[in-house]
């Protein structure tokens, strides 16, 4: 399994932008856990990572929106340093099957 961080910025000056934002969030919710409004931690297979990228690409307007997927070399728990309110999650259990 691969740990990735997905961040996005969707332009919402109109109703179409709001709909894109909702669709992008729904895609991300299928693959991981929301940390902040537009930040998700995901544990995925190689195949699921490619599917995630394809699904996100289909939902955005590349001339106005951006999505970044950061892949971690090791476990996310080793790369993460959190300050403030903690996100409660059972460590060691799969996020996505």
C-alpha atoms as a PDB file:
ATOM      1  CA  UNK A   1       0.000   0.000   0.000  1.00  0.00           C
ATOM      2  CA  UNK A   2       1.061   3.580  -0.688  1.00  0.00           C
ATOM      3  CA  UNK A   3       0.449   6.613   1.520  1.00  0.00           C
ATOM      4  CA  UNK A   4      -0.464   9.800  -0.362  1.00  0.00           C
ATOM      5  CA  UNK A   5      -1.655  13.263   0.539  1.00  0.00           C
ATOM      6  CA  UNK A   6      -4.211  14.841  -1.815  1.00  0.00           C
ATOM      7  CA  UNK A   7      -4.749  18.600  -1.788  1.00  0.00           C
ATOM      8  CA  UNK A   8      -6.954  20.625  -4.086  1.00  0.00           C
ATOM      9  CA  UNK A   9      -7.989  24.177  -4.848  1.00  0.00           C
ATOM     10  CA  UNK A  10     -11.197  24.429  -6.863  1.00  0.00           C
ATOM     11  CA  UNK A  11     -12.309  27.813  -8.189  1.00  0.00           C
ATOM     12  CA  UNK A  12     -15.861  28.535  -7.007  1.00  0.00           C
ATOM     13  CA  UNK A  13     -16.937  31.869  -8.512  1.00  0.00           C
ATOM     14  CA  UNK A  14     -20.141  30.283  -9.820  1.00  0.00           C
ATOM     15  CA  UNK A  15     -22.476  27.316  -9.323  1.00  0.00           C
ATOM     16  CA  UNK A  16     -20.443  25.131 -11.705  1.00  0.00           C
ATOM     17  CA  UNK A  17     -17.382  25.635  -9.509  1.00  0.00           C
ATOM     18  CA  UNK A  18     -19.326  24.662  -6.393  1.00  0.00           C
ATOM     19  CA  UNK A  19     -20.495  21.474  -8.123  1.00  0.00           C
ATOM     20  CA  UNK A  20     -16.909  20.620  -9.162  1.00  0.00           C
ATOM     21  CA  UNK A  21     -15.775  21.186  -5.572  1.00  0.00           C
ATOM     22  CA  UNK A  22     -18.423  18.775  -4.260  1.00  0.00           C
ATOM     23  CA  UNK A  23     -17.559  16.142  -6.867  1.00  0.00           C
ATOM     24  CA  UNK A  24     -13.823  16.362  -6.133  1.00  0.00           C
ATOM     25  CA  UNK A  25     -14.499  15.993  -2.396  1.00  0.00           C
ATOM     26  CA  UNK A  26     -16.712  12.931  -3.040  1.00  0.00           C
ATOM     27  CA  UNK A  27     -13.965  11.300  -5.103  1.00  0.00           C
ATOM     28  CA  UNK A  28     -11.401  11.905  -2.359  1.00  0.00           C
ATOM     29  CA  UNK A  29     -13.775  10.545   0.307  1.00  0.00           C
ATOM     30  CA  UNK A  30     -13.846   7.238  -1.593  1.00  0.00           C
ATOM     31  CA  UNK A  31     -10.087   6.860  -1.168  1.00  0.00           C
ATOM     32  CA  UNK A  32      -9.127   8.371   2.177  1.00  0.00           C
ATOM     33  CA  UNK A  33      -9.717  10.469   5.252  1.00  0.00           C
ATOM     34  CA  UNK A  34     -10.341  14.218   5.243  1.00  0.00           C
ATOM     35  CA  UNK A  35      -7.839  16.163   7.357  1.00  0.00           C
ATOM     36  CA  UNK A  36      -8.948  19.646   6.401  1.00  0.00           C
ATOM     37  CA  UNK A  37     -11.489  21.012   3.934  1.00  0.00           C
ATOM     38  CA  UNK A  38      -9.331  20.277   0.878  1.00  0.00           C
ATOM     39  CA  UNK A  39      -6.722  17.883   2.263  1.00  0.00           C
ATOM     40  CA  UNK A  40      -7.029  14.088   2.373  1.00  0.00           C
ATOM     41  CA  UNK A  41      -4.714  11.324   3.592  1.00  0.00           C
ATOM     42  CA  UNK A  42      -5.113   8.176   1.532  1.00  0.00           C
ATOM     43  CA  UNK A  43      -3.673   4.666   1.727  1.00  0.00           C
ATOM     44  CA  UNK A  44      -4.089   3.100  -1.708  1.00  0.00           C
ATOM     45  CA  UNK A  45      -2.707   0.434  -4.014  1.00  0.00           C
ATOM     46  CA  UNK A  46      -0.857   1.370  -7.217  1.00  0.00           C
ATOM     47  CA  UNK A  47      -4.024   0.648  -9.203  1.00  0.00           C
ATOM     48  CA  UNK A  48      -6.208   2.702  -6.848  1.00  0.00           C
ATOM     49  CA  UNK A  49      -3.751   5.603  -7.011  1.00  0.00           C
ATOM     50  CA  UNK A  50      -4.043   5.688 -10.795  1.00  0.00           C
ATOM     51  CA  UNK A  51      -7.849   5.407 -10.563  1.00  0.00           C
ATOM     52  CA  UNK A  52      -7.916   8.292  -8.055  1.00  0.00           C
ATOM     53  CA  UNK A  53      -5.862  10.492 -10.391  1.00  0.00           C
ATOM     54  CA  UNK A  54      -8.042   9.661 -13.412  1.00  0.00           C
ATOM     55  CA  UNK A  55     -11.264  10.323 -11.490  1.00  0.00           C
ATOM     56  CA  UNK A  56      -9.970  13.662 -10.175  1.00  0.00           C
ATOM     57  CA  UNK A  57      -8.773  14.729 -13.629  1.00  0.00           C
ATOM     58  CA  UNK A  58     -12.278  14.047 -14.969  1.00  0.00           C
ATOM     59  CA  UNK A  59     -13.879  16.325 -12.353  1.00  0.00           C
ATOM     60  CA  UNK A  60     -11.691  19.436 -12.481  1.00  0.00           C
ATOM     61  CA  UNK A  61     -11.452  22.332 -14.890  1.00  0.00           C
ATOM     62  CA  UNK A  62      -7.671  22.374 -15.495  1.00  0.00           C
ATOM     63  CA  UNK A  63      -7.758  26.025 -16.535  1.00  0.00           C
ATOM     64  CA  UNK A  64      -9.075  27.089 -13.112  1.00  0.00           C
ATOM     65  CA  UNK A  65      -8.541  24.246 -10.598  1.00  0.00           C
ATOM     66  CA  UNK A  66      -5.531  22.414  -9.205  1.00  0.00           C
ATOM     67  CA  UNK A  67      -5.010  19.063  -7.510  1.00  0.00           C
ATOM     68  CA  UNK A  68      -1.734  17.882  -5.975  1.00  0.00           C
ATOM     69  CA  UNK A  69      -1.021  14.285  -4.989  1.00  0.00           C
ATOM     70  CA  UNK A  70       2.036  13.823  -2.769  1.00  0.00           C
ATOM     71  CA  UNK A  71       3.390  10.289  -2.510  1.00  0.00           C
ATOM     72  CA  UNK A  72       5.354   9.367   0.602  1.00  0.00           C
ATOM     73  CA  UNK A  73       8.416   7.132   0.414  1.00  0.00           C
ATOM     74  CA  UNK A  74       7.550   5.476   3.730  1.00  0.00           C
ATOM     75  CA  UNK A  75       4.621   5.314   6.119  1.00  0.00           C
ATOM     76  CA  UNK A  76       2.730   8.562   6.494  1.00  0.00           C
ATOM     77  CA  UNK A  77       2.858   8.272  10.289  1.00  0.00           C
ATOM     78  CA  UNK A  78       6.641   8.671  10.108  1.00  0.00           C
ATOM     79  CA  UNK A  79       6.412  11.702   7.822  1.00  0.00           C
ATOM     80  CA  UNK A  80       3.624  13.489   9.723  1.00  0.00           C
ATOM     81  CA  UNK A  81       4.171  16.023  12.480  1.00  0.00           C
ATOM     82  CA  UNK A  82       0.874  17.316  13.836  1.00  0.00           C
ATOM     83  CA  UNK A  83       0.313  20.333  16.049  1.00  0.00           C
ATOM     84  CA  UNK A  84      -2.936  21.248  17.717  1.00  0.00           C
ATOM     85  CA  UNK A  85      -6.134  19.245  17.533  1.00  0.00           C
ATOM     86  CA  UNK A  86      -5.397  15.618  16.676  1.00  0.00           C
ATOM     87  CA  UNK A  87      -7.256  13.611  14.068  1.00  0.00           C
ATOM     88  CA  UNK A  88      -8.429  10.373  15.706  1.00  0.00           C
ATOM     89  CA  UNK A  89      -7.726   7.293  13.633  1.00  0.00           C
ATOM     90  CA  UNK A  90      -6.660   3.747  14.424  1.00  0.00           C
ATOM     91  CA  UNK A  91      -3.049   3.372  13.348  1.00  0.00           C
ATOM     92  CA  UNK A  92      -2.095   0.210  11.522  1.00  0.00           C
ATOM     93  CA  UNK A  93      -5.523  -0.510  10.070  1.00  0.00           C
ATOM     94  CA  UNK A  94      -6.100  -0.207   6.314  1.00  0.00           C
ATOM     95  CA  UNK A  95      -7.806   2.941   5.107  1.00  0.00           C
ATOM     96  CA  UNK A  96      -8.866   1.516   1.751  1.00  0.00           C
ATOM     97  CA  UNK A  97      -9.110  -2.095   0.582  1.00  0.00           C
END
